[in-house]
Amino acid sequence: MSRGPALVDDETIAYYTARPASTIRRWRAEGRIAQYGNGRGKVLFDAREFVPAERDEFGKVLKAGGIPELMPARPKAA
């Protein structure tokens, strides 16, 4: 069963990925991510297009997330 996009604002994605909101907006301007809606304060993003940050049990960021094309490839196990 296919679901529609999980739309959230840039501040929410910034927290989700542990990246600044300005970075999210730059990725949008560069065409790296899709936006839904337009106009100041009305642009939303699909949270499923992003890789979440890794956090410990206290919420401290262990590793920032981002978008798949920017994430380093993990070495494959032998």
PDB file of N, CA and C in Angstrom:
ATOM      1  N   MET A   1       0.842  -1.173   0.000  1.00  0.00           N
ATOM      2  CA  MET A   1       0.000   0.000   0.000  1.00  0.00           C
ATOM      3  C   MET A   1       0.891   1.242   0.000  1.00  0.00           C
ATOM      4  N   SER A   2       0.698   2.084  -0.957  1.00  0.00           N
ATOM      5  CA  SER A   2       1.508   3.296  -1.092  1.00  0.00           C
ATOM      6  C   SER A   2       0.868   4.443  -0.307  1.00  0.00           C
ATOM      7  N   ARG A   3       1.705   5.172   0.398  1.00  0.00           N
ATOM      8  CA  ARG A   3       1.221   6.326   1.153  1.00  0.00           C
ATOM      9  C   ARG A   3       1.753   7.586   0.512  1.00  0.00           C
ATOM     10  N   GLY A   4       1.075   8.692   0.747  1.00  0.00           N
ATOM     11  CA  GLY A   4       1.530   9.975   0.231  1.00  0.00           C
ATOM     12  C   GLY A   4       2.725  10.475   1.021  1.00  0.00           C
ATOM     13  N   PRO A   5       3.241  11.622   0.630  1.00  0.00           N
ATOM     14  CA  PRO A   5       4.422  12.172   1.315  1.00  0.00           C
ATOM     15  C   PRO A   5       4.125  12.566   2.759  1.00  0.00           C
ATOM     16  N   ALA A   6       5.150  12.513   3.589  1.00  0.00           N
ATOM     17  CA  ALA A   6       5.071  12.947   4.995  1.00  0.00           C
ATOM     18  C   ALA A   6       5.611  14.371   5.026  1.00  0.00           C
ATOM     19  N   LEU A   7       4.748  15.363   4.848  1.00  0.00           N
ATOM     20  CA  LEU A   7       5.174  16.740   4.659  1.00  0.00           C
ATOM     21  C   LEU A   7       5.411  17.480   5.975  1.00  0.00           C
ATOM     22  N   VAL A   8       6.596  18.089   6.055  1.00  0.00           N
ATOM     23  CA  VAL A   8       6.983  18.877   7.234  1.00  0.00           C
ATOM     24  C   VAL A   8       7.759  20.116   6.773  1.00  0.00           C
ATOM     25  N   ASP A   9       7.921  21.079   7.669  1.00  0.00           N
ATOM     26  CA  ASP A   9       8.626  22.314   7.320  1.00  0.00           C
ATOM     27  C   ASP A   9      10.138  22.165   7.459  1.00  0.00           C
ATOM     28  N   ASP A  10      10.878  23.191   7.041  1.00  0.00           N
ATOM     29  CA  ASP A  10      12.341  23.120   7.041  1.00  0.00           C
ATOM     30  C   ASP A  10      12.933  23.015   8.444  1.00  0.00           C
ATOM     31  N   GLU A  11      12.306  23.626   9.427  1.00  0.00           N
ATOM     32  CA  GLU A  11      12.816  23.538  10.798  1.00  0.00           C
ATOM     33  C   GLU A  11      12.697  22.114  11.336  1.00  0.00           C
ATOM     34  N   THR A  12      11.630  21.430  10.998  1.00  0.00           N
ATOM     35  CA  THR A  12      11.447  20.043  11.432  1.00  0.00           C
ATOM     36  C   THR A  12      12.471  19.131  10.765  1.00  0.00           C
ATOM     37  N   ILE A  13      12.679  19.324   9.465  1.00  0.00           N
ATOM     38  CA  ILE A  13      13.692  18.537   8.754  1.00  0.00           C
ATOM     39  C   ILE A  13      15.078  18.852   9.296  1.00  0.00           C
ATOM     40  N   ALA A  14      15.315  20.105   9.655  1.00  0.00           N
ATOM     41  CA  ALA A  14      16.615  20.479  10.225  1.00  0.00           C
ATOM     42  C   ALA A  14      16.878  19.684  11.503  1.00  0.00           C
ATOM     43  N   TYR A  15      15.885  19.577  12.370  1.00  0.00           N
ATOM     44  CA  TYR A  15      16.052  18.789  13.594  1.00  0.00           C
ATOM     45  C   TYR A  15      16.221  17.303  13.250  1.00  0.00           C
ATOM     46  N   TYR A  16      15.396  16.807  12.344  1.00  0.00           N
ATOM     47  CA  TYR A  16      15.402  15.392  11.954  1.00  0.00           C
ATOM     48  C   TYR A  16      16.768  14.962  11.441  1.00  0.00           C
ATOM     49  N   THR A  17      17.422  15.844  10.672  1.00  0.00           N
ATOM     50  CA  THR A  17      18.714  15.517  10.076  1.00  0.00           C
ATOM     51  C   THR A  17      19.908  16.073  10.850  1.00  0.00           C
ATOM     52  N   ALA A  18      19.655  16.926  11.843  1.00  0.00           N
ATOM     53  CA  ALA A  18      20.712  17.625  12.595  1.00  0.00           C
ATOM     54  C   ALA A  18      21.556  18.495  11.655  1.00  0.00           C
ATOM     55  N   ARG A  19      20.890  19.105  10.693  1.00  0.00           N
ATOM     56  CA  ARG A  19      21.520  20.046   9.773  1.00  0.00           C
ATOM     57  C   ARG A  19      20.819  21.394   9.937  1.00  0.00           C
ATOM     58  N   PRO A  20      21.501  22.498   9.662  1.00  0.00           N
ATOM     59  CA  PRO A  20      20.839  23.806   9.759  1.00  0.00           C
ATOM     60  C   PRO A  20      19.705  23.938   8.741  1.00  0.00           C
ATOM     61  N   ALA A  21      18.668  24.688   9.098  1.00  0.00           N
ATOM     62  CA  ALA A  21      17.557  24.926   8.177  1.00  0.00           C
ATOM     63  C   ALA A  21      18.053  25.609   6.908  1.00  0.00           C
ATOM     64  N   SER A  22      19.092  26.420   7.025  1.00  0.00           N
ATOM     65  CA  SER A  22      19.645  27.080   5.836  1.00  0.00           C
ATOM     66  C   SER A  22      20.214  26.052   4.854  1.00  0.00           C
ATOM     67  N   THR A  23      20.746  24.955   5.360  1.00  0.00           N
ATOM     68  CA  THR A  23      21.246  23.890   4.495  1.00  0.00           C
ATOM     69  C   THR A  23      20.091  23.228   3.759  1.00  0.00           C
ATOM     70  N   ILE A  24      18.995  22.999   4.456  1.00  0.00           N
ATOM     71  CA  ILE A  24      17.810  22.405   3.826  1.00  0.00           C
ATOM     72  C   ILE A  24      17.327  23.317   2.700  1.00  0.00           C
ATOM     73  N   ARG A  25      17.262  24.616   2.970  1.00  0.00           N
ATOM     74  CA  ARG A  25      16.816  25.571   1.952  1.00  0.00           C
ATOM     75  C   ARG A  25      17.808  25.626   0.776  1.00  0.00           C
ATOM     76  N   ARG A  26      19.098  25.495   1.055  1.00  0.00           N
ATOM     77  CA  ARG A  26      20.097  25.486  -0.021  1.00  0.00           C
ATOM     78  C   ARG A  26      19.915  24.255  -0.892  1.00  0.00           C
ATOM     79  N   TRP A  27      19.716  23.085  -0.273  1.00  0.00           N
ATOM     80  CA  TRP A  27      19.483  21.874  -1.041  1.00  0.00           C
ATOM     81  C   TRP A  27      18.266  22.036  -1.947  1.00  0.00           C
ATOM     82  N   ARG A  28      17.238  22.705  -1.420  1.00  0.00           N
ATOM     83  CA  ARG A  28      16.037  22.954  -2.218  1.00  0.00           C
ATOM     84  C   ARG A  28      16.377  23.850  -3.401  1.00  0.00           C
ATOM     85  N   ALA A  29      17.110  24.929  -3.174  1.00  0.00           N
ATOM     86  CA  ALA A  29      17.484  25.873  -4.233  1.00  0.00           C
ATOM     87  C   ALA A  29      18.357  25.200  -5.295  1.00  0.00           C
ATOM     88  N   GLU A  30      19.181  24.262  -4.875  1.00  0.00           N
ATOM     89  CA  GLU A  30      20.050  23.537  -5.807  1.00  0.00           C
ATOM     90  C   GLU A  30      19.309  22.425  -6.548  1.00  0.00           C
ATOM     91  N   GLY A  31      18.061  22.170  -6.169  1.00  0.00           N
ATOM     92  CA  GLY A  31      17.269  21.142  -6.827  1.00  0.00           C
ATOM     93  C   GLY A  31      17.559  19.734  -6.347  1.00  0.00           C
ATOM     94  N   ARG A  32      18.240  19.605  -5.216  1.00  0.00           N
ATOM     95  CA  ARG A  32      18.580  18.277  -4.686  1.00  0.00           C
ATOM     96  C   ARG A  32      17.391  17.592  -4.017  1.00  0.00           C
ATOM     97  N   ILE A  33      16.451  18.383  -3.539  1.00  0.00           N
ATOM     98  CA  ILE A  33      15.270  17.830  -2.860  1.00  0.00           C
ATOM     99  C   ILE A  33      14.020  18.502  -3.421  1.00  0.00           C
ATOM    100  N   ALA A  34      12.921  17.795  -3.347  1.00  0.00           N
ATOM    101  CA  ALA A  34      11.647  18.318  -3.830  1.00  0.00           C
ATOM    102  C   ALA A  34      10.986  19.176  -2.759  1.00  0.00           C
ATOM    103  N   GLN A  35      10.266  20.176  -3.212  1.00  0.00           N
ATOM    104  CA  GLN A  35       9.477  20.982  -2.284  1.00  0.00           C
ATOM    105  C   GLN A  35       8.013  20.846  -2.641  1.00  0.00           C
ATOM    106  N   TYR A  36       7.179  21.024  -1.663  1.00  0.00           N
ATOM    107  CA  TYR A  36       5.739  20.959  -1.845  1.00  0.00           C
ATOM    108  C   TYR A  36       5.185  22.290  -1.372  1.00  0.00           C
ATOM    109  N   GLY A  37       4.473  22.981  -2.236  1.00  0.00           N
ATOM    110  CA  GLY A  37       3.969  24.309  -1.921  1.00  0.00           C
ATOM    111  C   GLY A  37       5.020  25.351  -2.270  1.00  0.00           C
ATOM    112  N   ASN A  38       4.639  26.610  -2.137  1.00  0.00           N
ATOM    113  CA  ASN A  38       5.584  27.694  -2.366  1.00  0.00           C
ATOM    114  C   ASN A  38       5.140  28.927  -1.603  1.00  0.00           C
ATOM    115  N   GLY A  39       6.030  29.878  -1.489  1.00  0.00           N
ATOM    116  CA  GLY A  39       5.742  31.076  -0.725  1.00  0.00           C
ATOM    117  C   GLY A  39       6.355  31.001   0.656  1.00  0.00           C
ATOM    118  N   ARG A  40       6.609  32.129   1.202  1.00  0.00           N
ATOM    119  CA  ARG A  40       7.266  32.212   2.505  1.00  0.00           C
ATOM    120  C   ARG A  40       6.457  31.490   3.587  1.00  0.00           C
ATOM    121  N   GLY A  41       7.099  30.574   4.253  1.00  0.00           N
ATOM    122  CA  GLY A  41       6.449  29.830   5.331  1.00  0.00           C
ATOM    123  C   GLY A  41       5.489  28.757   4.879  1.00  0.00           C
ATOM    124  N   LYS A  42       5.379  28.533   3.575  1.00  0.00           N
ATOM    125  CA  LYS A  42       4.435  27.543   3.073  1.00  0.00           C
ATOM    126  C   LYS A  42       5.108  26.395   2.342  1.00  0.00           C
ATOM    127  N   VAL A  43       6.452  26.377   2.307  1.00  0.00           N
ATOM    128  CA  VAL A  43       7.186  25.307   1.631  1.00  0.00           C
ATOM    129  C   VAL A  43       7.342  24.141   2.600  1.00  0.00           C
ATOM    130  N   LEU A  44       7.013  22.955   2.114  1.00  0.00           N
ATOM    131  CA  LEU A  44       7.131  21.739   2.916  1.00  0.00           C
ATOM    132  C   LEU A  44       7.999  20.732   2.172  1.00  0.00           C
ATOM    133  N   PHE A  45       8.511  19.767   2.923  1.00  0.00           N
ATOM    134  CA  PHE A  45       9.383  18.736   2.369  1.00  0.00           C
ATOM    135  C   PHE A  45       8.887  17.374   2.813  1.00  0.00           C
ATOM    136  N   ASP A  46       9.162  16.359   2.002  1.00  0.00           N
ATOM    137  CA  ASP A  46       8.787  14.989   2.339  1.00  0.00           C
ATOM    138  C   ASP A  46       9.868  14.393   3.232  1.00  0.00           C
ATOM    139  N   ALA A  47       9.539  14.127   4.478  1.00  0.00           N
ATOM    140  CA  ALA A  47      10.513  13.616   5.448  1.00  0.00           C
ATOM    141  C   ALA A  47      11.114  12.286   5.005  1.00  0.00           C
ATOM    142  N   ARG A  48      10.402  11.540   4.176  1.00  0.00           N
ATOM    143  CA  ARG A  48      10.909  10.236   3.745  1.00  0.00           C
ATOM    144  C   ARG A  48      12.038  10.348   2.723  1.00  0.00           C
ATOM    145  N   GLU A  49      12.308  11.555   2.223  1.00  0.00           N
ATOM    146  CA  GLU A  49      13.425  11.754   1.299  1.00  0.00           C
ATOM    147  C   GLU A  49      14.742  11.965   2.042  1.00  0.00           C
ATOM    148  N   PHE A  50      14.702  12.052   3.362  1.00  0.00           N
ATOM    149  CA  PHE A  50      15.872  12.388   4.164  1.00  0.00           C
ATOM    150  C   PHE A  50      16.327  11.212   5.015  1.00  0.00           C
ATOM    151  N   VAL A  51      17.611  11.196   5.298  1.00  0.00           N
ATOM    152  CA  VAL A  51      18.195  10.217   6.216  1.00  0.00           C
ATOM    153  C   VAL A  51      18.238  10.885   7.595  1.00  0.00           C
ATOM    154  N   PRO A  52      17.645  10.270   8.613  1.00  0.00           N
ATOM    155  CA  PRO A  52      17.649  10.903   9.935  1.00  0.00           C
ATOM    156  C   PRO A  52      19.027  10.897  10.583  1.00  0.00           C
ATOM    157  N   ALA A  53      19.228  11.840  11.472  1.00  0.00           N
ATOM    158  CA  ALA A  53      20.456  11.871  12.269  1.00  0.00           C
ATOM    159  C   ALA A  53      20.431  10.702  13.250  1.00  0.00           C
ATOM    160  N   GLU A  54      21.610  10.236  13.596  1.00  0.00           N
ATOM    161  CA  GLU A  54      21.708   9.214  14.639  1.00  0.00           C
ATOM    162  C   GLU A  54      21.893   9.943  15.959  1.00  0.00           C
ATOM    163  N   ARG A  55      21.081   9.588  16.949  1.00  0.00           N
ATOM    164  CA  ARG A  55      21.124  10.231  18.259  1.00  0.00           C
ATOM    165  C   ARG A  55      21.217   9.167  19.347  1.00  0.00           C
ATOM    166  N   ASP A  56      21.824   9.554  20.480  1.00  0.00           N
ATOM    167  CA  ASP A  56      21.869   8.628  21.606  1.00  0.00           C
ATOM    168  C   ASP A  56      20.559   8.719  22.389  1.00  0.00           C
ATOM    169  N   GLU A  57      20.472   7.981  23.482  1.00  0.00           N
ATOM    170  CA  GLU A  57      19.223   7.939  24.258  1.00  0.00           C
ATOM    171  C   GLU A  57      18.874   9.276  24.906  1.00  0.00           C
ATOM    172  N   PHE A  58      19.820  10.212  24.938  1.00  0.00           N
ATOM    173  CA  PHE A  58      19.570  11.525  25.519  1.00  0.00           C
ATOM    174  C   PHE A  58      19.279  12.574  24.458  1.00  0.00           C
ATOM    175  N   GLY A  59      19.314  12.177  23.184  1.00  0.00           N
ATOM    176  CA  GLY A  59      19.035  13.088  22.086  1.00  0.00           C
ATOM    177  C   GLY A  59      20.260  13.778  21.513  1.00  0.00           C
ATOM    178  N   LYS A  60      21.435  13.445  22.033  1.00  0.00           N
ATOM    179  CA  LYS A  60      22.669  14.036  21.513  1.00  0.00           C
ATOM    180  C   LYS A  60      22.973  13.448  20.136  1.00  0.00           C
ATOM    181  N   VAL A  61      23.354  14.325  19.210  1.00  0.00           N
ATOM    182  CA  VAL A  61      23.633  13.880  17.847  1.00  0.00           C
ATOM    183  C   VAL A  61      24.956  13.120  17.802  1.00  0.00           C
ATOM    184  N   LEU A  62      24.884  11.899  17.292  1.00  0.00           N
ATOM    185  CA  LEU A  62      26.079  11.083  17.106  1.00  0.00           C
ATOM    186  C   LEU A  62      26.590  11.213  15.672  1.00  0.00           C
ATOM    187  N   LYS A  63      25.655  11.334  14.729  1.00  0.00           N
ATOM    188  CA  LYS A  63      26.001  11.457  13.318  1.00  0.00           C
ATOM    189  C   LYS A  63      24.865  12.187  12.613  1.00  0.00           C
ATOM    190  N   ALA A  64      25.213  13.254  11.896  1.00  0.00           N
ATOM    191  CA  ALA A  64      24.194  14.019  11.172  1.00  0.00           C
ATOM    192  C   ALA A  64      23.631  13.193  10.030  1.00  0.00           C
ATOM    193  N   GLY A  65      22.383  13.449   9.715  1.00  0.00           N
ATOM    194  CA  GLY A  65      21.728  12.810   8.585  1.00  0.00           C
ATOM    195  C   GLY A  65      21.865  13.691   7.363  1.00  0.00           C
ATOM    196  N   GLY A  66      20.942  13.567   6.451  1.00  0.00           N
ATOM    197  CA  GLY A  66      20.990  14.378   5.245  1.00  0.00           C
ATOM    198  C   GLY A  66      20.098  13.823   4.168  1.00  0.00           C
ATOM    199  N   ILE A  67      20.620  13.851   2.943  1.00  0.00           N
ATOM    200  CA  ILE A  67      19.911  13.265   1.816  1.00  0.00           C
ATOM    201  C   ILE A  67      20.779  12.140   1.270  1.00  0.00           C
ATOM    202  N   PRO A  68      20.159  11.095   0.735  1.00  0.00           N
ATOM    203  CA  PRO A  68      20.925   9.911   0.343  1.00  0.00           C
ATOM    204  C   PRO A  68      22.138  10.191  -0.540  1.00  0.00           C
ATOM    205  N   GLU A  69      22.047  11.107  -1.497  1.00  0.00           N
ATOM    206  CA  GLU A  69      23.189  11.329  -2.394  1.00  0.00           C
ATOM    207  C   GLU A  69      24.387  11.934  -1.680  1.00  0.00           C
ATOM    208  N   LEU A  70      24.185  12.534  -0.506  1.00  0.00           N
ATOM    209  CA  LEU A  70      25.287  13.133   0.239  1.00  0.00           C
ATOM    210  C   LEU A  70      25.856  12.219   1.314  1.00  0.00           C
ATOM    211  N   MET A  71      25.163  11.126   1.577  1.00  0.00           N
ATOM    212  CA  MET A  71      25.606  10.230   2.634  1.00  0.00           C
ATOM    213  C   MET A  71      26.734   9.331   2.117  1.00  0.00           C
ATOM    214  N   PRO A  72      27.820   9.204   2.882  1.00  0.00           N
ATOM    215  CA  PRO A  72      28.921   8.337   2.434  1.00  0.00           C
ATOM    216  C   PRO A  72      28.473   6.882   2.396  1.00  0.00           C
ATOM    217  N   ALA A  73      28.961   6.181   1.400  1.00  0.00           N
ATOM    218  CA  ALA A  73      28.632   4.754   1.288  1.00  0.00           C
ATOM    219  C   ALA A  73      29.361   4.005   2.392  1.00  0.00           C
ATOM    220  N   ARG A  74      28.677   3.087   2.990  1.00  0.00           N
ATOM    221  CA  ARG A  74      29.289   2.268   4.040  1.00  0.00           C
ATOM    222  C   ARG A  74      30.022   1.111   3.383  1.00  0.00           C
ATOM    223  N   PRO A  75      31.193   0.767   3.893  1.00  0.00           N
ATOM    224  CA  PRO A  75      31.922  -0.369   3.319  1.00  0.00           C
ATOM    225  C   PRO A  75      31.107  -1.652   3.490  1.00  0.00           C
ATOM    226  N   LYS A  76      31.162  -2.489   2.478  1.00  0.00           N
ATOM    227  CA  LYS A  76      30.437  -3.748   2.545  1.00  0.00           C
ATOM    228  C   LYS A  76      31.238  -4.756   3.348  1.00  0.00           C
ATOM    229  N   ALA A  77      30.525  -5.564   4.114  1.00  0.00           N
ATOM    230  CA  ALA A  77      31.172  -6.598   4.917  1.00  0.00           C
ATOM    231  C   ALA A  77      31.735  -7.681   3.987  1.00  0.00           C
ATOM    232  N   ALA A  78      32.823  -8.242   4.393  1.00  0.00           N
ATOM    233  CA  ALA A  78      33.480  -9.277   3.577  1.00  0.00           C
ATOM    234  C   ALA A  78      32.722 -10.575   3.642  1.00  0.00           C
TER     235      ALA A  78
END
